[in-house]
Amino acid sequence: MNNIVCPKCRETFKVDEASFADILKQVRDRQFNEELQSRMEMAERDKESALKLAEAKLRNSFQEYLSKKDKELSDLHLQN
């Protein structure tokens, strides 16, 4: 038998091993689910940041390519 003290009313309860194991499982499951949710949200934020960074790099690369092509066109017009 285990004694559990209620955090609200401070009353002590006697709980058998099976009930105690069930209570512990509920607490562990709740903590696990909260941690899992937190990590999923963090992973989603990281993914969004990575996508925005990749998009910015691609946009920058494309702008450089367009600038290079514009310069080539200008050079060709000047030669003619």
C-alpha atoms as a PDB file:
ATOM      1  CA  MET A   1       0.000   0.000   0.000  1.00  0.00           C
ATOM      2  CA  ASN A   2       1.136   3.511  -0.838  1.00  0.00           C
ATOM      3  CA  ASN A   3       0.026   6.745   0.789  1.00  0.00           C
ATOM      4  CA  ILE A   4      -0.774   9.660  -1.485  1.00  0.00           C
ATOM      5  CA  VAL A   5      -1.397  13.193  -0.255  1.00  0.00           C
ATOM      6  CA  CYS A   6      -3.911  15.257  -2.220  1.00  0.00           C
ATOM      7  CA  PRO A   7      -2.202  18.493  -3.308  1.00  0.00           C
ATOM      8  CA  LYS A   8      -5.445  20.466  -2.945  1.00  0.00           C
ATOM      9  CA  CYS A   9      -7.013  19.293   0.304  1.00  0.00           C
ATOM     10  CA  ARG A  10      -3.908  17.666   1.845  1.00  0.00           C
ATOM     11  CA  GLU A  11      -5.895  14.551   2.721  1.00  0.00           C
ATOM     12  CA  THR A  12      -3.918  11.296   2.737  1.00  0.00           C
ATOM     13  CA  PHE A  13      -5.206   8.330   0.745  1.00  0.00           C
ATOM     14  CA  LYS A  14      -4.077   4.729   0.837  1.00  0.00           C
ATOM     15  CA  VAL A  15      -3.727   3.255  -2.636  1.00  0.00           C
ATOM     16  CA  ASP A  16      -2.979  -0.349  -3.535  1.00  0.00           C
ATOM     17  CA  GLU A  17      -0.138  -1.215  -5.933  1.00  0.00           C
ATOM     18  CA  ALA A  18      -2.375  -1.581  -9.009  1.00  0.00           C
ATOM     19  CA  SER A  19      -4.080   1.777  -8.450  1.00  0.00           C
ATOM     20  CA  PHE A  20      -0.733   3.421  -7.740  1.00  0.00           C
ATOM     21  CA  ALA A  21       0.689   2.010 -10.975  1.00  0.00           C
ATOM     22  CA  ASP A  22      -2.344   3.345 -12.886  1.00  0.00           C
ATOM     23  CA  ILE A  23      -1.861   6.820 -11.409  1.00  0.00           C
ATOM     24  CA  LEU A  24       1.836   6.795 -12.295  1.00  0.00           C
ATOM     25  CA  LYS A  25       1.012   5.676 -15.838  1.00  0.00           C
ATOM     26  CA  GLN A  26      -1.450   8.551 -16.234  1.00  0.00           C
ATOM     27  CA  VAL A  27       1.142  11.066 -15.066  1.00  0.00           C
ATOM     28  CA  ARG A  28       3.862   9.626 -17.338  1.00  0.00           C
ATOM     29  CA  ASP A  29       1.511   9.483 -20.322  1.00  0.00           C
ATOM     30  CA  ARG A  30       0.451  13.089 -19.785  1.00  0.00           C
ATOM     31  CA  GLN A  31       4.048  14.296 -19.456  1.00  0.00           C
ATOM     32  CA  PHE A  32       5.062  12.278 -22.519  1.00  0.00           C
ATOM     33  CA  ASN A  33       2.223  13.738 -24.596  1.00  0.00           C
ATOM     34  CA  GLU A  34       3.047  17.290 -23.488  1.00  0.00           C
ATOM     35  CA  GLU A  35       6.728  16.813 -24.340  1.00  0.00           C
ATOM     36  CA  LEU A  36       5.843  15.212 -27.672  1.00  0.00           C
ATOM     37  CA  GLN A  37       3.538  18.107 -28.566  1.00  0.00           C
ATOM     38  CA  SER A  38       6.195  20.628 -27.579  1.00  0.00           C
ATOM     39  CA  ARG A  39       8.828  18.922 -29.734  1.00  0.00           C
ATOM     40  CA  MET A  40       6.434  18.635 -32.665  1.00  0.00           C
ATOM     41  CA  GLU A  41       5.755  22.379 -32.487  1.00  0.00           C
ATOM     42  CA  MET A  42       9.476  23.105 -32.286  1.00  0.00           C
ATOM     43  CA  ALA A  43      10.148  20.838 -35.280  1.00  0.00           C
ATOM     44  CA  GLU A  44       7.416  22.603 -37.255  1.00  0.00           C
ATOM     45  CA  ARG A  45       8.951  26.006 -36.459  1.00  0.00           C
ATOM     46  CA  ASP A  46      12.389  24.728 -37.461  1.00  0.00           C
ATOM     47  CA  LYS A  47      10.967  23.388 -40.724  1.00  0.00           C
ATOM     48  CA  GLU A  48       9.302  26.715 -41.496  1.00  0.00           C
ATOM     49  CA  SER A  49      12.548  28.570 -40.775  1.00  0.00           C
ATOM     50  CA  ALA A  50      14.515  26.211 -43.009  1.00  0.00           C
ATOM     51  CA  LEU A  51      11.997  26.644 -45.819  1.00  0.00           C
ATOM     52  CA  LYS A  52      12.130  30.430 -45.553  1.00  0.00           C
ATOM     53  CA  LEU A  53      15.938  30.350 -45.582  1.00  0.00           C
ATOM     54  CA  ALA A  54      16.009  28.049 -48.615  1.00  0.00           C
ATOM     55  CA  GLU A  55      13.499  30.267 -50.393  1.00  0.00           C
ATOM     56  CA  ALA A  56      15.588  33.374 -49.672  1.00  0.00           C
ATOM     57  CA  LYS A  57      18.752  31.666 -50.924  1.00  0.00           C
ATOM     58  CA  LEU A  58      16.995  30.515 -54.086  1.00  0.00           C
ATOM     59  CA  ARG A  59      15.541  33.977 -54.675  1.00  0.00           C
ATOM     60  CA  ASN A  60      18.992  35.538 -54.196  1.00  0.00           C
ATOM     61  CA  SER A  61      20.575  33.027 -56.559  1.00  0.00           C
ATOM     62  CA  PHE A  62      17.898  33.669 -59.166  1.00  0.00           C
ATOM     63  CA  GLN A  63      18.367  37.443 -58.834  1.00  0.00           C
ATOM     64  CA  GLU A  64      22.110  37.036 -59.363  1.00  0.00           C
ATOM     65  CA  TYR A  65      21.437  34.894 -62.436  1.00  0.00           C
ATOM     66  CA  LEU A  66      19.010  37.482 -63.836  1.00  0.00           C
ATOM     67  CA  SER A  67      21.481  40.292 -63.196  1.00  0.00           C
ATOM     68  CA  LYS A  68      24.183  38.337 -65.023  1.00  0.00           C
ATOM     69  CA  LYS A  69      21.871  37.732 -67.988  1.00  0.00           C
ATOM     70  CA  ASP A  70      20.808  41.405 -68.066  1.00  0.00           C
ATOM     71  CA  LYS A  71      24.474  42.414 -68.143  1.00  0.00           C
ATOM     72  CA  GLU A  72      25.139  39.980 -71.005  1.00  0.00           C
ATOM     73  CA  LEU A  73      22.200  41.435 -72.953  1.00  0.00           C
ATOM     74  CA  SER A  74      23.444  44.965 -72.333  1.00  0.00           C
ATOM     75  CA  ASP A  75      26.905  43.978 -73.502  1.00  0.00           C
ATOM     76  CA  LEU A  76      25.479  42.422 -76.680  1.00  0.00           C
ATOM     77  CA  HIS A  77      23.453  45.564 -77.424  1.00  0.00           C
ATOM     78  CA  LEU A  78      26.551  47.710 -76.968  1.00  0.00           C
ATOM     79  CA  GLN A  79      28.536  45.527 -79.382  1.00  0.00           C
ATOM     80  CA  ASN A  80      25.958  45.984 -82.140  1.00  0.00           C
END
